[in-house]
Amino acid sequence: MSIKYSPIVSYQPLEVQLRDLDRGSEEFKFVANNFNNRMRSFNVEKIQVVYNKGLWENYYKHWLESKSLEELFVFHGTSLNDPSLIYTNGLRVEKTKSGSLYFAVNSNESNGFTFKSIDCSQIFMCRILVPRLQVSSSIHVIRNNDHHYPQYLISYNSRYN
């Protein structure tokens, strides 16, 4: 997928912010359609755009400098981690046992690794940079902290609850 939306509109004095997307906006539809492509039995309750100036500036710098990398929108579950840790500090390869971060093209592949609260599950839709030859993979492995950005936090429920 190509770049469609820039997360930087304007920053308030805060470094990290979440903004709810309007359900009728093209951006909401873009994210919800990608999420529901493989997760039709779930309702998207809310989608929030993540604004993290430091994380975005690092990612954007690498995106501008990359000649052989392609940008994709993919999904990442948070497992037991509160999503605020991720949108505040970013995903860190050094915090993993494998030294790698895993991202799925299809939301259902990340669904088993979601943060679950009493009323919903949460998953990220992220931007990642991958070598052009790996664009067709369904799972992407990232080993560079600056090659991903947690763009959207999606809150959802099963339609059958």
C-alpha atoms as a PDB file:
ATOM      1  CA  MET A   1       0.000   0.000   0.000  1.00  0.00           C
ATOM      2  CA  SER A   2       1.225   3.467  -0.664  1.00  0.00           C
ATOM      3  CA  ILE A   3       1.298   6.380   1.735  1.00  0.00           C
ATOM      4  CA  LYS A   4      -2.205   7.726   1.981  1.00  0.00           C
ATOM      5  CA  TYR A   5      -2.351   9.773   5.175  1.00  0.00           C
ATOM      6  CA  SER A   6       0.270  11.814   6.950  1.00  0.00           C
ATOM      7  CA  PRO A   7       0.086  11.629  10.744  1.00  0.00           C
ATOM      8  CA  ILE A   8       1.451  15.131  11.084  1.00  0.00           C
ATOM      9  CA  VAL A   9      -1.125  17.865  10.763  1.00  0.00           C
ATOM     10  CA  SER A  10       0.006  20.018  13.647  1.00  0.00           C
ATOM     11  CA  TYR A  11       1.373  19.272  17.058  1.00  0.00           C
ATOM     12  CA  GLN A  12       0.046  20.761  20.211  1.00  0.00           C
ATOM     13  CA  PRO A  13       2.532  21.360  23.048  1.00  0.00           C
ATOM     14  CA  LEU A  14       2.195  17.710  24.081  1.00  0.00           C
ATOM     15  CA  GLU A  15       4.628  15.249  22.512  1.00  0.00           C
ATOM     16  CA  VAL A  16       2.187  12.318  22.454  1.00  0.00           C
ATOM     17  CA  GLN A  17      -1.509  12.524  21.619  1.00  0.00           C
ATOM     18  CA  LEU A  18      -4.360  10.302  20.474  1.00  0.00           C
ATOM     19  CA  ARG A  19      -7.142  11.689  18.309  1.00  0.00           C
ATOM     20  CA  ASP A  20     -10.387   9.828  17.627  1.00  0.00           C
ATOM     21  CA  LEU A  21     -11.216   9.497  13.952  1.00  0.00           C
ATOM     22  CA  ASP A  22     -14.685  10.484  12.775  1.00  0.00           C
ATOM     23  CA  ARG A  23     -16.522   7.313  11.676  1.00  0.00           C
ATOM     24  CA  GLY A  24     -17.563   8.993   8.425  1.00  0.00           C
ATOM     25  CA  SER A  25     -14.072  10.098   7.405  1.00  0.00           C
ATOM     26  CA  GLU A  26     -12.128   8.520   4.540  1.00  0.00           C
ATOM     27  CA  GLU A  27      -9.283   7.805   6.967  1.00  0.00           C
ATOM     28  CA  PHE A  28     -11.602   5.836   9.318  1.00  0.00           C
ATOM     29  CA  LYS A  29     -12.967   3.862   6.353  1.00  0.00           C
ATOM     30  CA  PHE A  30      -9.436   3.111   5.095  1.00  0.00           C
ATOM     31  CA  VAL A  31      -8.353   1.668   8.455  1.00  0.00           C
ATOM     32  CA  ALA A  32     -11.646  -0.114   9.211  1.00  0.00           C
ATOM     33  CA  ASN A  33     -11.787  -1.708   5.748  1.00  0.00           C
ATOM     34  CA  ASN A  34      -8.239  -3.016   6.072  1.00  0.00           C
ATOM     35  CA  PHE A  35      -9.007  -4.349   9.558  1.00  0.00           C
ATOM     36  CA  ASN A  36     -12.330  -5.950   8.520  1.00  0.00           C
ATOM     37  CA  ASN A  37     -10.841  -7.489   5.391  1.00  0.00           C
ATOM     38  CA  ARG A  38     -10.081 -10.639   7.449  1.00  0.00           C
ATOM     39  CA  MET A  39     -12.014  -9.901  10.654  1.00  0.00           C
ATOM     40  CA  ARG A  40     -15.619  -9.579   9.492  1.00  0.00           C
ATOM     41  CA  SER A  41     -17.074 -10.938  12.747  1.00  0.00           C
ATOM     42  CA  PHE A  42     -15.757  -7.952  14.711  1.00  0.00           C
ATOM     43  CA  ASN A  43     -17.090  -4.409  15.144  1.00  0.00           C
ATOM     44  CA  VAL A  44     -14.649  -1.527  15.085  1.00  0.00           C
ATOM     45  CA  GLU A  45     -15.682   0.590  18.068  1.00  0.00           C
ATOM     46  CA  LYS A  46     -13.076   3.332  17.772  1.00  0.00           C
ATOM     47  CA  ILE A  47      -9.974   4.217  15.767  1.00  0.00           C
ATOM     48  CA  GLN A  48      -7.465   6.669  17.163  1.00  0.00           C
ATOM     49  CA  VAL A  49      -4.605   8.318  15.294  1.00  0.00           C
ATOM     50  CA  VAL A  50      -1.338   8.231  17.221  1.00  0.00           C
ATOM     51  CA  TYR A  51       0.641  11.472  17.265  1.00  0.00           C
ATOM     52  CA  ASN A  52       4.114  10.930  18.682  1.00  0.00           C
ATOM     53  CA  LYS A  53       6.470  13.600  17.427  1.00  0.00           C
ATOM     54  CA  GLY A  54       9.718  11.818  18.347  1.00  0.00           C
ATOM     55  CA  LEU A  55       8.730   8.435  16.930  1.00  0.00           C
ATOM     56  CA  TRP A  56       7.324  10.012  13.765  1.00  0.00           C
ATOM     57  CA  GLU A  57      10.409  12.159  13.132  1.00  0.00           C
ATOM     58  CA  ASN A  58      12.696   9.104  13.418  1.00  0.00           C
ATOM     59  CA  TYR A  59      10.473   7.030  11.135  1.00  0.00           C
ATOM     60  CA  TYR A  60       9.988   9.818   8.599  1.00  0.00           C
ATOM     61  CA  LYS A  61      13.741  10.475   8.408  1.00  0.00           C
ATOM     62  CA  HIS A  62      14.351   6.817   7.544  1.00  0.00           C
ATOM     63  CA  TRP A  63      11.491   6.855   5.037  1.00  0.00           C
ATOM     64  CA  LEU A  64      12.975   9.900   3.266  1.00  0.00           C
ATOM     65  CA  GLU A  65      16.452   8.354   3.181  1.00  0.00           C
ATOM     66  CA  SER A  66      15.325   4.910   2.029  1.00  0.00           C
ATOM     67  CA  LYS A  67      15.967   4.133  -1.608  1.00  0.00           C
ATOM     68  CA  SER A  68      15.328   0.376  -1.440  1.00  0.00           C
ATOM     69  CA  LEU A  69      12.526   0.269   1.152  1.00  0.00           C
ATOM     70  CA  GLU A  70       8.785   0.170   0.587  1.00  0.00           C
ATOM     71  CA  GLU A  71       6.188   1.439   3.051  1.00  0.00           C
ATOM     72  CA  LEU A  72       3.309  -0.834   4.067  1.00  0.00           C
ATOM     73  CA  PHE A  73       0.374  -0.608   6.466  1.00  0.00           C
ATOM     74  CA  VAL A  74       0.295  -3.729   8.655  1.00  0.00           C
ATOM     75  CA  PHE A  75      -1.047  -4.917  12.019  1.00  0.00           C
ATOM     76  CA  HIS A  76       0.639  -5.478  15.358  1.00  0.00           C
ATOM     77  CA  GLY A  77      -0.936  -6.865  18.515  1.00  0.00           C
ATOM     78  CA  THR A  78       0.142  -5.622  21.914  1.00  0.00           C
ATOM     79  CA  SER A  79      -0.249  -8.894  23.872  1.00  0.00           C
ATOM     80  CA  LEU A  80      -0.297  -8.092  27.556  1.00  0.00           C
ATOM     81  CA  ASN A  81       1.231  -4.642  27.103  1.00  0.00           C
ATOM     82  CA  ASP A  82      -0.982  -1.640  27.637  1.00  0.00           C
ATOM     83  CA  PRO A  83      -1.078   0.127  24.233  1.00  0.00           C
ATOM     84  CA  SER A  84      -0.079   3.413  25.890  1.00  0.00           C
ATOM     85  CA  LEU A  85       3.404   1.941  26.423  1.00  0.00           C
ATOM     86  CA  ILE A  86       3.708   1.419  22.683  1.00  0.00           C
ATOM     87  CA  TYR A  87       2.325   4.718  21.417  1.00  0.00           C
ATOM     88  CA  THR A  88       4.365   6.579  24.045  1.00  0.00           C
ATOM     89  CA  ASN A  89       7.703   4.729  23.814  1.00  0.00           C
ATOM     90  CA  GLY A  90       7.422   2.864  20.521  1.00  0.00           C
ATOM     91  CA  LEU A  91       8.039  -0.795  19.870  1.00  0.00           C
ATOM     92  CA  ARG A  92      11.607  -1.616  20.847  1.00  0.00           C
ATOM     93  CA  VAL A  93      13.488  -4.555  19.332  1.00  0.00           C
ATOM     94  CA  GLU A  94      15.818  -4.682  22.329  1.00  0.00           C
ATOM     95  CA  LYS A  95      12.832  -5.469  24.576  1.00  0.00           C
ATOM     96  CA  THR A  96      12.040  -8.684  22.664  1.00  0.00           C
ATOM     97  CA  LYS A  97      13.585 -12.101  23.212  1.00  0.00           C
ATOM     98  CA  SER A  98      14.223 -12.542  19.486  1.00  0.00           C
ATOM     99  CA  GLY A  99      15.536  -9.043  18.777  1.00  0.00           C
ATOM    100  CA  SER A 100      12.772  -8.687  16.186  1.00  0.00           C
ATOM    101  CA  LEU A 101       9.299  -7.206  15.856  1.00  0.00           C
ATOM    102  CA  TYR A 102       6.602  -9.026  13.919  1.00  0.00           C
ATOM    103  CA  PHE A 103       3.897  -7.382  11.821  1.00  0.00           C
ATOM    104  CA  ALA A 104       1.064  -9.048   9.908  1.00  0.00           C
ATOM    105  CA  VAL A 105      -0.516  -7.940   6.652  1.00  0.00           C
ATOM    106  CA  ASN A 106      -3.839  -9.422   7.793  1.00  0.00           C
ATOM    107  CA  SER A 107      -5.425  -8.295  11.041  1.00  0.00           C
ATOM    108  CA  ASN A 108      -6.576 -11.811  11.944  1.00  0.00           C
ATOM    109  CA  GLU A 109      -2.948 -12.928  12.268  1.00  0.00           C
ATOM    110  CA  SER A 110      -2.391 -10.328  15.014  1.00  0.00           C
ATOM    111  CA  ASN A 111      -5.746 -10.880  16.702  1.00  0.00           C
ATOM    112  CA  GLY A 112      -4.339 -13.490  19.092  1.00  0.00           C
ATOM    113  CA  PHE A 113      -1.846 -10.948  20.414  1.00  0.00           C
ATOM    114  CA  THR A 114      -4.215  -8.120  21.284  1.00  0.00           C
ATOM    115  CA  PHE A 115      -4.549  -6.170  24.497  1.00  0.00           C
ATOM    116  CA  LYS A 116      -7.895  -7.052  26.019  1.00  0.00           C
ATOM    117  CA  SER A 117      -9.742  -4.881  28.482  1.00  0.00           C
ATOM    118  CA  ILE A 118     -13.173  -5.557  29.970  1.00  0.00           C
ATOM    119  CA  ASP A 119     -15.044  -4.001  27.061  1.00  0.00           C
ATOM    120  CA  CYS A 120     -12.793  -4.349  23.993  1.00  0.00           C
ATOM    121  CA  SER A 121      -9.634  -5.620  22.326  1.00  0.00           C
ATOM    122  CA  GLN A 122      -7.001  -3.324  20.844  1.00  0.00           C
ATOM    123  CA  ILE A 123      -4.584  -3.698  17.967  1.00  0.00           C
ATOM    124  CA  PHE A 124      -2.299  -1.303  16.098  1.00  0.00           C
ATOM    125  CA  MET A 125      -2.234  -0.600  12.393  1.00  0.00           C
ATOM    126  CA  CYS A 126       1.350   0.453  11.757  1.00  0.00           C
ATOM    127  CA  ARG A 127       3.458   1.845   8.964  1.00  0.00           C
ATOM    128  CA  ILE A 128       6.585  -0.200   8.318  1.00  0.00           C
ATOM    129  CA  LEU A 129       9.536   0.028   5.959  1.00  0.00           C
ATOM    130  CA  VAL A 130      10.578  -3.242   4.307  1.00  0.00           C
ATOM    131  CA  PRO A 131      12.923  -4.168   1.451  1.00  0.00           C
ATOM    132  CA  ARG A 132      11.047  -4.046  -1.868  1.00  0.00           C
ATOM    133  CA  LEU A 133      11.668  -7.765  -2.437  1.00  0.00           C
ATOM    134  CA  GLN A 134       9.759  -8.642   0.746  1.00  0.00           C
ATOM    135  CA  VAL A 135       6.590  -6.654   0.038  1.00  0.00           C
ATOM    136  CA  SER A 136       4.560  -9.771  -0.833  1.00  0.00           C
ATOM    137  CA  SER A 137       5.204 -11.505   2.530  1.00  0.00           C
ATOM    138  CA  SER A 138       2.260 -11.930   4.912  1.00  0.00           C
ATOM    139  CA  ILE A 139       4.432 -11.532   8.036  1.00  0.00           C
ATOM    140  CA  HIS A 140       7.157  -8.902   8.204  1.00  0.00           C
ATOM    141  CA  VAL A 141      10.067  -9.014  10.614  1.00  0.00           C
ATOM    142  CA  ILE A 142      11.595  -5.673  11.602  1.00  0.00           C
ATOM    143  CA  ARG A 143      14.907  -5.348  13.427  1.00  0.00           C
ATOM    144  CA  ASN A 144      15.277  -1.565  13.300  1.00  0.00           C
ATOM    145  CA  ASN A 145      13.418   0.600  15.838  1.00  0.00           C
ATOM    146  CA  ASP A 146      13.010   3.393  13.302  1.00  0.00           C
ATOM    147  CA  HIS A 147      11.411   1.267  10.560  1.00  0.00           C
ATOM    148  CA  HIS A 148       7.927   1.261  12.061  1.00  0.00           C
ATOM    149  CA  TYR A 149       5.387   3.737  13.352  1.00  0.00           C
ATOM    150  CA  PRO A 150       2.225   2.837  15.352  1.00  0.00           C
ATOM    151  CA  GLN A 151      -0.148   4.964  13.240  1.00  0.00           C
ATOM    152  CA  TYR A 152      -3.586   3.824  14.464  1.00  0.00           C
ATOM    153  CA  LEU A 153      -4.953   2.206  17.611  1.00  0.00           C
ATOM    154  CA  ILE A 154      -8.061   0.163  16.776  1.00  0.00           C
ATOM    155  CA  SER A 155     -10.539  -0.794  19.520  1.00  0.00           C
ATOM    156  CA  TYR A 156     -12.971  -3.559  18.603  1.00  0.00           C
ATOM    157  CA  ASN A 157     -15.422  -6.187  19.878  1.00  0.00           C
ATOM    158  CA  SER A 158     -16.872  -9.405  18.593  1.00  0.00           C
ATOM    159  CA  ARG A 159     -20.257  -8.913  16.927  1.00  0.00           C
ATOM    160  CA  TYR A 160     -21.494 -11.907  18.901  1.00  0.00           C
ATOM    161  CA  ASN A 161     -20.873 -10.582  22.429  1.00  0.00           C
END
